[in-house]
């Protein structure tokens, strides 16, 4: 199993990847998405996919907003000290 701070770190990394991929899709930079590059020829579809990725990121942000508040208040650091 993972400790809470380890799980949150993995979630934050995933959210950063979502932002990066969304930005690249929006700008039609599909170097890291070769299958999408082959399948997609329409700018409208790329915009749609980018919007979906942004919505997914927003949902993750909403779901993990309590963790973000703890992180900003250094709550994770004190949690680690108490558990360790």
PDB file of N, CA and C in Angstrom:
ATOM      1  N   UNK A   1       0.801  -1.183   0.000  1.00  0.00           N
ATOM      2  CA  UNK A   1       0.000   0.000   0.000  1.00  0.00           C
ATOM      3  C   UNK A   1       0.848   1.253   0.000  1.00  0.00           C
ATOM      4  N   UNK A   2       0.193   2.327  -0.271  1.00  0.00           N
ATOM      5  CA  UNK A   2       0.853   3.628  -0.302  1.00  0.00           C
ATOM      6  C   UNK A   2       0.402   4.478   0.873  1.00  0.00           C
ATOM      7  N   UNK A   3       1.298   5.329   1.329  1.00  0.00           N
ATOM      8  CA  UNK A   3       0.918   6.347   2.291  1.00  0.00           C
ATOM      9  C   UNK A   3       0.144   7.429   1.540  1.00  0.00           C
ATOM     10  N   UNK A   4      -0.612   8.213   2.278  1.00  0.00           N
ATOM     11  CA  UNK A   4      -1.454   9.244   1.666  1.00  0.00           C
ATOM     12  C   UNK A   4      -0.619  10.211   0.836  1.00  0.00           C
ATOM     13  N   UNK A   5       0.508  10.661   1.366  1.00  0.00           N
ATOM     14  CA  UNK A   5       1.321  11.631   0.628  1.00  0.00           C
ATOM     15  C   UNK A   5       1.903  11.018  -0.647  1.00  0.00           C
ATOM     16  N   UNK A   6       2.162   9.708  -0.656  1.00  0.00           N
ATOM     17  CA  UNK A   6       2.663   9.045  -1.860  1.00  0.00           C
ATOM     18  C   UNK A   6       1.561   8.952  -2.916  1.00  0.00           C
ATOM     19  N   UNK A   7       0.363   8.631  -2.470  1.00  0.00           N
ATOM     20  CA  UNK A   7      -0.769   8.553  -3.390  1.00  0.00           C
ATOM     21  C   UNK A   7      -1.059   9.928  -3.995  1.00  0.00           C
ATOM     22  N   UNK A   8      -1.043  10.950  -3.162  1.00  0.00           N
ATOM     23  CA  UNK A   8      -1.322  12.290  -3.656  1.00  0.00           C
ATOM     24  C   UNK A   8      -0.244  12.744  -4.634  1.00  0.00           C
ATOM     25  N   UNK A   9       0.984  12.368  -4.387  1.00  0.00           N
ATOM     26  CA  UNK A   9       2.070  12.694  -5.306  1.00  0.00           C
ATOM     27  C   UNK A   9       1.829  12.053  -6.676  1.00  0.00           C
ATOM     28  N   UNK A  10       1.368  10.815  -6.685  1.00  0.00           N
ATOM     29  CA  UNK A  10       1.057  10.131  -7.947  1.00  0.00           C
ATOM     30  C   UNK A  10      -0.110  10.813  -8.662  1.00  0.00           C
ATOM     31  N   UNK A  11      -1.115  11.238  -7.913  1.00  0.00           N
ATOM     32  CA  UNK A  11      -2.265  11.933  -8.502  1.00  0.00           C
ATOM     33  C   UNK A  11      -1.822  13.266  -9.099  1.00  0.00           C
ATOM     34  N   UNK A  12      -0.969  14.002  -8.387  1.00  0.00           N
ATOM     35  CA  UNK A  12      -0.474  15.281  -8.901  1.00  0.00           C
ATOM     36  C   UNK A  12       0.319  15.081 -10.189  1.00  0.00           C
ATOM     37  N   UNK A  13       1.135  14.038 -10.239  1.00  0.00           N
ATOM     38  CA  UNK A  13       1.903  13.751 -11.456  1.00  0.00           C
ATOM     39  C   UNK A  13       0.960  13.450 -12.620  1.00  0.00           C
ATOM     40  N   UNK A  14      -0.083  12.671 -12.356  1.00  0.00           N
ATOM     41  CA  UNK A  14      -1.065  12.362 -13.397  1.00  0.00           C
ATOM     42  C   UNK A  14      -1.756  13.630 -13.880  1.00  0.00           C
ATOM     43  N   UNK A  15      -2.093  14.520 -12.960  1.00  0.00           N
ATOM     44  CA  UNK A  15      -2.765  15.765 -13.329  1.00  0.00           C
ATOM     45  C   UNK A  15      -1.852  16.656 -14.177  1.00  0.00           C
ATOM     46  N   UNK A  16      -0.557  16.683 -13.850  1.00  0.00           N
ATOM     47  CA  UNK A  16       0.390  17.451 -14.668  1.00  0.00           C
ATOM     48  C   UNK A  16       0.466  16.873 -16.082  1.00  0.00           C
ATOM     49  N   UNK A  17       0.446  15.545 -16.173  1.00  0.00           N
ATOM     50  CA  UNK A  17       0.469  14.903 -17.492  1.00  0.00           C
ATOM     51  C   UNK A  17      -0.793  15.238 -18.278  1.00  0.00           C
ATOM     52  N   UNK A  18      -1.941  15.258 -17.602  1.00  0.00           N
ATOM     53  CA  UNK A  18      -3.185  15.644 -18.274  1.00  0.00           C
ATOM     54  C   UNK A  18      -3.082  17.052 -18.851  1.00  0.00           C
ATOM     55  N   UNK A  19      -2.528  17.977 -18.066  1.00  0.00           N
ATOM     56  CA  UNK A  19      -2.384  19.352 -18.538  1.00  0.00           C
ATOM     57  C   UNK A  19      -1.457  19.416 -19.748  1.00  0.00           C
ATOM     58  N   UNK A  20      -0.350  18.699 -19.683  1.00  0.00           N
ATOM     59  CA  UNK A  20       0.610  18.702 -20.781  1.00  0.00           C
ATOM     60  C   UNK A  20      -0.016  18.137 -22.051  1.00  0.00           C
ATOM     61  N   UNK A  21      -0.658  16.989 -21.929  1.00  0.00           N
ATOM     62  CA  UNK A  21      -1.271  16.356 -23.097  1.00  0.00           C
ATOM     63  C   UNK A  21      -2.381  17.238 -23.663  1.00  0.00           C
ATOM     64  N   UNK A  22      -3.194  17.817 -22.794  1.00  0.00           N
ATOM     65  CA  UNK A  22      -4.268  18.706 -23.249  1.00  0.00           C
ATOM     66  C   UNK A  22      -3.705  19.884 -24.033  1.00  0.00           C
ATOM     67  N   UNK A  23      -2.655  20.478 -23.515  1.00  0.00           N
ATOM     68  CA  UNK A  23      -2.021  21.609 -24.186  1.00  0.00           C
ATOM     69  C   UNK A  23      -1.456  21.196 -25.543  1.00  0.00           C
ATOM     70  N   UNK A  24      -0.805  20.042 -25.581  1.00  0.00           N
ATOM     71  CA  UNK A  24      -0.227  19.570 -26.839  1.00  0.00           C
ATOM     72  C   UNK A  24      -1.309  19.246 -27.862  1.00  0.00           C
ATOM     73  N   UNK A  25      -2.391  18.629 -27.426  1.00  0.00           N
ATOM     74  CA  UNK A  25      -3.491  18.309 -28.340  1.00  0.00           C
ATOM     75  C   UNK A  25      -4.111  19.599 -28.876  1.00  0.00           C
ATOM     76  N   UNK A  26      -4.316  20.567 -27.991  1.00  0.00           N
ATOM     77  CA  UNK A  26      -4.911  21.844 -28.406  1.00  0.00           C
ATOM     78  C   UNK A  26      -4.050  22.535 -29.467  1.00  0.00           C
ATOM     79  N   UNK A  27      -2.717  22.425 -29.315  1.00  0.00           N
ATOM     80  CA  UNK A  27      -1.788  23.072 -30.243  1.00  0.00           C
ATOM     81  C   UNK A  27      -1.402  22.181 -31.424  1.00  0.00           C
ATOM     82  N   UNK A  28      -2.059  21.020 -31.541  1.00  0.00           N
ATOM     83  CA  UNK A  28      -1.795  20.060 -32.616  1.00  0.00           C
ATOM     84  C   UNK A  28      -0.338  19.577 -32.605  1.00  0.00           C
ATOM     85  N   UNK A  29       0.234  19.443 -31.430  1.00  0.00           N
ATOM     86  CA  UNK A  29       1.578  18.890 -31.260  1.00  0.00           C
ATOM     87  C   UNK A  29       1.426  17.446 -30.787  1.00  0.00           C
ATOM     88  N   UNK A  30       1.352  16.540 -31.723  1.00  0.00           N
ATOM     89  CA  UNK A  30       1.010  15.156 -31.402  1.00  0.00           C
ATOM     90  C   UNK A  30       2.214  14.222 -31.453  1.00  0.00           C
ATOM     91  N   UNK A  31       3.397  14.739 -31.213  1.00  0.00           N
ATOM     92  CA  UNK A  31       4.617  13.933 -31.242  1.00  0.00           C
ATOM     93  C   UNK A  31       4.541  12.768 -30.273  1.00  0.00           C
ATOM     94  N   UNK A  32       4.014  13.006 -29.085  1.00  0.00           N
ATOM     95  CA  UNK A  32       3.938  11.962 -28.060  1.00  0.00           C
ATOM     96  C   UNK A  32       2.669  11.125 -28.161  1.00  0.00           C
ATOM     97  N   UNK A  33       1.834  11.432 -29.146  1.00  0.00           N
ATOM     98  CA  UNK A  33       0.570  10.718 -29.342  1.00  0.00           C
ATOM     99  C   UNK A  33       0.464  10.264 -30.799  1.00  0.00           C
ATOM    100  N   UNK A  34       1.350   9.361 -31.222  1.00  0.00           N
ATOM    101  CA  UNK A  34       1.394   8.989 -32.641  1.00  0.00           C
ATOM    102  C   UNK A  34       0.107   8.355 -33.161  1.00  0.00           C
ATOM    103  N   UNK A  35      -0.580   7.587 -32.342  1.00  0.00           N
ATOM    104  CA  UNK A  35      -1.823   6.966 -32.800  1.00  0.00           C
ATOM    105  C   UNK A  35      -2.882   8.029 -33.066  1.00  0.00           C
ATOM    106  N   UNK A  36      -2.959   9.015 -32.191  1.00  0.00           N
ATOM    107  CA  UNK A  36      -3.904  10.117 -32.396  1.00  0.00           C
ATOM    108  C   UNK A  36      -3.522  10.916 -33.640  1.00  0.00           C
ATOM    109  N   UNK A  37      -2.230  11.080 -33.844  1.00  0.00           N
ATOM    110  CA  UNK A  37      -1.755  11.821 -35.016  1.00  0.00           C
ATOM    111  C   UNK A  37      -2.180  11.126 -36.308  1.00  0.00           C
ATOM    112  N   UNK A  38      -2.103   9.808 -36.326  1.00  0.00           N
ATOM    113  CA  UNK A  38      -2.494   9.047 -37.515  1.00  0.00           C
ATOM    114  C   UNK A  38      -4.006   9.069 -37.722  1.00  0.00           C
ATOM    115  N   UNK A  39      -4.754   9.025 -36.646  1.00  0.00           N
ATOM    116  CA  UNK A  39      -6.210   8.877 -36.739  1.00  0.00           C
ATOM    117  C   UNK A  39      -6.949  10.199 -36.919  1.00  0.00           C
ATOM    118  N   UNK A  40      -6.359  11.298 -36.478  1.00  0.00           N
ATOM    119  CA  UNK A  40      -7.082  12.570 -36.435  1.00  0.00           C
ATOM    120  C   UNK A  40      -6.563  13.535 -37.492  1.00  0.00           C
ATOM    121  N   UNK A  41      -7.485  14.049 -38.252  1.00  0.00           N
ATOM    122  CA  UNK A  41      -7.139  15.060 -39.253  1.00  0.00           C
ATOM    123  C   UNK A  41      -7.915  16.364 -39.023  1.00  0.00           C
ATOM    124  N   UNK A  42      -8.840  16.358 -38.104  1.00  0.00           N
ATOM    125  CA  UNK A  42      -9.732  17.494 -37.903  1.00  0.00           C
ATOM    126  C   UNK A  42      -9.332  18.310 -36.675  1.00  0.00           C
ATOM    127  N   UNK A  43      -9.209  19.623 -36.859  1.00  0.00           N
ATOM    128  CA  UNK A  43      -8.907  20.513 -35.733  1.00  0.00           C
ATOM    129  C   UNK A  43     -10.054  20.522 -34.733  1.00  0.00           C
ATOM    130  N   UNK A  44     -11.284  20.343 -35.224  1.00  0.00           N
ATOM    131  CA  UNK A  44     -12.440  20.314 -34.321  1.00  0.00           C
ATOM    132  C   UNK A  44     -12.358  19.133 -33.365  1.00  0.00           C
ATOM    133  N   UNK A  45     -11.926  17.982 -33.880  1.00  0.00           N
ATOM    134  CA  UNK A  45     -11.778  16.812 -33.007  1.00  0.00           C
ATOM    135  C   UNK A  45     -10.679  17.039 -31.977  1.00  0.00           C
ATOM    136  N   UNK A  46      -9.581  17.650 -32.394  1.00  0.00           N
ATOM    137  CA  UNK A  46      -8.495  17.926 -31.445  1.00  0.00           C
ATOM    138  C   UNK A  46      -8.973  18.871 -30.354  1.00  0.00           C
ATOM    139  N   UNK A  47      -9.749  19.873 -30.728  1.00  0.00           N
ATOM    140  CA  UNK A  47     -10.295  20.802 -29.730  1.00  0.00           C
ATOM    141  C   UNK A  47     -11.228  20.057 -28.771  1.00  0.00           C
ATOM    142  N   UNK A  48     -12.032  19.150 -29.315  1.00  0.00           N
ATOM    143  CA  UNK A  48     -12.948  18.359 -28.488  1.00  0.00           C
ATOM    144  C   UNK A  48     -12.162  17.495 -27.502  1.00  0.00           C
ATOM    145  N   UNK A  49     -11.112  16.832 -27.980  1.00  0.00           N
ATOM    146  CA  UNK A  49     -10.298  15.981 -27.100  1.00  0.00           C
ATOM    147  C   UNK A  49      -9.610  16.812 -26.023  1.00  0.00           C
ATOM    148  N   UNK A  50      -9.105  17.977 -26.409  1.00  0.00           N
ATOM    149  CA  UNK A  50      -8.456  18.862 -25.446  1.00  0.00           C
ATOM    150  C   UNK A  50      -9.439  19.297 -24.365  1.00  0.00           C
ATOM    151  N   UNK A  51     -10.653  19.636 -24.769  1.00  0.00           N
ATOM    152  CA  UNK A  51     -11.684  20.043 -23.805  1.00  0.00           C
ATOM    153  C   UNK A  51     -12.025  18.899 -22.859  1.00  0.00           C
ATOM    154  N   UNK A  52     -12.067  17.687 -23.381  1.00  0.00           N
ATOM    155  CA  UNK A  52     -12.353  16.525 -22.531  1.00  0.00           C
ATOM    156  C   UNK A  52     -11.233  16.307 -21.513  1.00  0.00           C
ATOM    157  N   UNK A  53      -9.990  16.476 -21.945  1.00  0.00           N
ATOM    158  CA  UNK A  53      -8.859  16.329 -21.027  1.00  0.00           C
ATOM    159  C   UNK A  53      -8.882  17.424 -19.964  1.00  0.00           C
ATOM    160  N   UNK A  54      -9.233  18.637 -20.360  1.00  0.00           N
ATOM    161  CA  UNK A  54      -9.342  19.736 -19.394  1.00  0.00           C
ATOM    162  C   UNK A  54     -10.451  19.466 -18.382  1.00  0.00           C
ATOM    163  N   UNK A  55     -11.561  18.908 -18.844  1.00  0.00           N
ATOM    164  CA  UNK A  55     -12.665  18.571 -17.936  1.00  0.00           C
ATOM    165  C   UNK A  55     -12.245  17.478 -16.958  1.00  0.00           C
ATOM    166  N   UNK A  56     -11.490  16.512 -17.442  1.00  0.00           N
ATOM    167  CA  UNK A  56     -10.985  15.455 -16.562  1.00  0.00           C
ATOM    168  C   UNK A  56     -10.047  16.038 -15.510  1.00  0.00           C
ATOM    169  N   UNK A  57      -9.176  16.954 -15.924  1.00  0.00           N
ATOM    170  CA  UNK A  57      -8.272  17.615 -14.975  1.00  0.00           C
ATOM    171  C   UNK A  57      -9.070  18.401 -13.934  1.00  0.00           C
ATOM    172  N   UNK A  58     -10.095  19.104 -14.375  1.00  0.00           N
ATOM    173  CA  UNK A  58     -10.930  19.879 -13.444  1.00  0.00           C
ATOM    174  C   UNK A  58     -11.613  18.966 -12.435  1.00  0.00           C
ATOM    175  N   UNK A  59     -12.066  17.805 -12.881  1.00  0.00           N
ATOM    176  CA  UNK A  59     -12.719  16.863 -11.968  1.00  0.00           C
ATOM    177  C   UNK A  59     -11.722  16.316 -10.946  1.00  0.00           C
ATOM    178  N   UNK A  60     -10.512  15.993 -11.381  1.00  0.00           N
ATOM    179  CA  UNK A  60      -9.490  15.545 -10.431  1.00  0.00           C
ATOM    180  C   UNK A  60      -9.181  16.653  -9.431  1.00  0.00           C
ATOM    181  N   UNK A  61      -9.082  17.885  -9.909  1.00  0.00           N
ATOM    182  CA  UNK A  61      -8.817  19.018  -9.010  1.00  0.00           C
ATOM    183  C   UNK A  61      -9.913  19.144  -7.965  1.00  0.00           C
ATOM    184  N   UNK A  62     -11.152  18.986  -8.402  1.00  0.00           N
ATOM    185  CA  UNK A  62     -12.280  19.080  -7.472  1.00  0.00           C
ATOM    186  C   UNK A  62     -12.244  17.947  -6.454  1.00  0.00           C
ATOM    187  N   UNK A  63     -11.979  16.740  -6.916  1.00  0.00           N
ATOM    188  CA  UNK A  63     -11.974  15.578  -6.029  1.00  0.00           C
ATOM    189  C   UNK A  63     -10.855  15.649  -4.988  1.00  0.00           C
ATOM    190  N   UNK A  64      -9.734  16.267  -5.354  1.00  0.00           N
ATOM    191  CA  UNK A  64      -8.579  16.283  -4.464  1.00  0.00           C
ATOM    192  C   UNK A  64      -8.305  17.665  -3.881  1.00  0.00           C
ATOM    193  N   UNK A  65      -9.321  18.532  -3.841  1.00  0.00           N
ATOM    194  CA  UNK A  65      -9.120  19.878  -3.320  1.00  0.00           C
ATOM    195  C   UNK A  65      -8.769  19.885  -1.832  1.00  0.00           C
ATOM    196  N   UNK A  66      -9.260  18.913  -1.076  1.00  0.00           N
ATOM    197  CA  UNK A  66      -8.921  18.841   0.351  1.00  0.00           C
ATOM    198  C   UNK A  66      -7.435  18.560   0.538  1.00  0.00           C
ATOM    199  N   UNK A  67      -6.884  17.707  -0.305  1.00  0.00           N
ATOM    200  CA  UNK A  67      -5.456  17.413  -0.229  1.00  0.00           C
ATOM    201  C   UNK A  67      -4.637  18.644  -0.589  1.00  0.00           C
ATOM    202  N   UNK A  68      -5.107  19.400  -1.577  1.00  0.00           N
ATOM    203  CA  UNK A  68      -4.417  20.619  -1.986  1.00  0.00           C
ATOM    204  C   UNK A  68      -4.377  21.609  -0.822  1.00  0.00           C
ATOM    205  N   UNK A  69      -5.473  21.714  -0.082  1.00  0.00           N
ATOM    206  CA  UNK A  69      -5.523  22.611   1.074  1.00  0.00           C
ATOM    207  C   UNK A  69      -4.526  22.164   2.139  1.00  0.00           C
ATOM    208  N   UNK A  70      -4.433  20.860   2.361  1.00  0.00           N
ATOM    209  CA  UNK A  70      -3.452  20.347   3.322  1.00  0.00           C
ATOM    210  C   UNK A  70      -2.031  20.633   2.862  1.00  0.00           C
ATOM    211  N   UNK A  71      -1.794  20.450   1.581  1.00  0.00           N
ATOM    212  CA  UNK A  71      -0.463  20.681   1.031  1.00  0.00           C
ATOM    213  C   UNK A  71      -0.062  22.143   1.195  1.00  0.00           C
ATOM    214  N   UNK A  72      -0.991  23.054   0.909  1.00  0.00           N
ATOM    215  CA  UNK A  72      -0.702  24.480   1.033  1.00  0.00           C
ATOM    216  C   UNK A  72      -0.455  24.883   2.483  1.00  0.00           C
ATOM    217  N   UNK A  73      -1.092  24.193   3.408  1.00  0.00           N
ATOM    218  CA  UNK A  73      -0.908  24.488   4.825  1.00  0.00           C
ATOM    219  C   UNK A  73       0.175  23.641   5.468  1.00  0.00           C
ATOM    220  N   UNK A  74       0.965  22.967   4.668  1.00  0.00           N
ATOM    221  CA  UNK A  74       2.048  22.088   5.133  1.00  0.00           C
ATOM    222  C   UNK A  74       1.521  20.934   5.974  1.00  0.00           C
ATOM    223  N   UNK A  75       0.272  20.569   5.766  1.00  0.00           N
ATOM    224  CA  UNK A  75      -0.324  19.464   6.505  1.00  0.00           C
ATOM    225  C   UNK A  75       0.306  18.125   6.190  1.00  0.00           C
ATOM    226  N   UNK A  76       0.733  17.917   4.944  1.00  0.00           N
ATOM    227  CA  UNK A  76       1.358  16.645   4.591  1.00  0.00           C
ATOM    228  C   UNK A  76       2.687  16.475   5.308  1.00  0.00           C
ATOM    229  N   UNK A  77       3.432  17.563   5.444  1.00  0.00           N
ATOM    230  CA  UNK A  77       4.713  17.469   6.124  1.00  0.00           C
ATOM    231  C   UNK A  77       4.517  17.045   7.575  1.00  0.00           C
ATOM    232  N   UNK A  78       3.552  17.642   8.260  1.00  0.00           N
ATOM    233  CA  UNK A  78       3.319  17.271   9.652  1.00  0.00           C
ATOM    234  C   UNK A  78       2.740  15.868   9.751  1.00  0.00           C
ATOM    235  N   UNK A  79       1.928  15.458   8.777  1.00  0.00           N
ATOM    236  CA  UNK A  79       1.407  14.090   8.763  1.00  0.00           C
ATOM    237  C   UNK A  79       2.543  13.081   8.648  1.00  0.00           C
ATOM    238  N   UNK A  80       3.508  13.369   7.793  1.00  0.00           N
ATOM    239  CA  UNK A  80       4.634  12.462   7.599  1.00  0.00           C
ATOM    240  C   UNK A  80       5.455  12.338   8.881  1.00  0.00           C
ATOM    241  N   UNK A  81       5.634  13.442   9.583  1.00  0.00           N
ATOM    242  CA  UNK A  81       6.406  13.398  10.821  1.00  0.00           C
ATOM    243  C   UNK A  81       5.689  12.594  11.895  1.00  0.00           C
ATOM    244  N   UNK A  82       4.374  12.711  11.964  1.00  0.00           N
ATOM    245  CA  UNK A  82       3.613  11.988  12.970  1.00  0.00           C
ATOM    246  C   UNK A  82       3.575  10.498  12.683  1.00  0.00           C
ATOM    247  N   UNK A  83       3.554  10.134  11.404  1.00  0.00           N
ATOM    248  CA  UNK A  83       3.450   8.722  11.031  1.00  0.00           C
ATOM    249  C   UNK A  83       4.799   8.030  11.023  1.00  0.00           C
ATOM    250  N   UNK A  84       5.858   8.787  10.839  1.00  0.00           N
ATOM    251  CA  UNK A  84       7.170   8.187  10.631  1.00  0.00           C
ATOM    252  C   UNK A  84       7.924   7.907  11.842  1.00  0.00           C
TER     253      UNK A  84
END
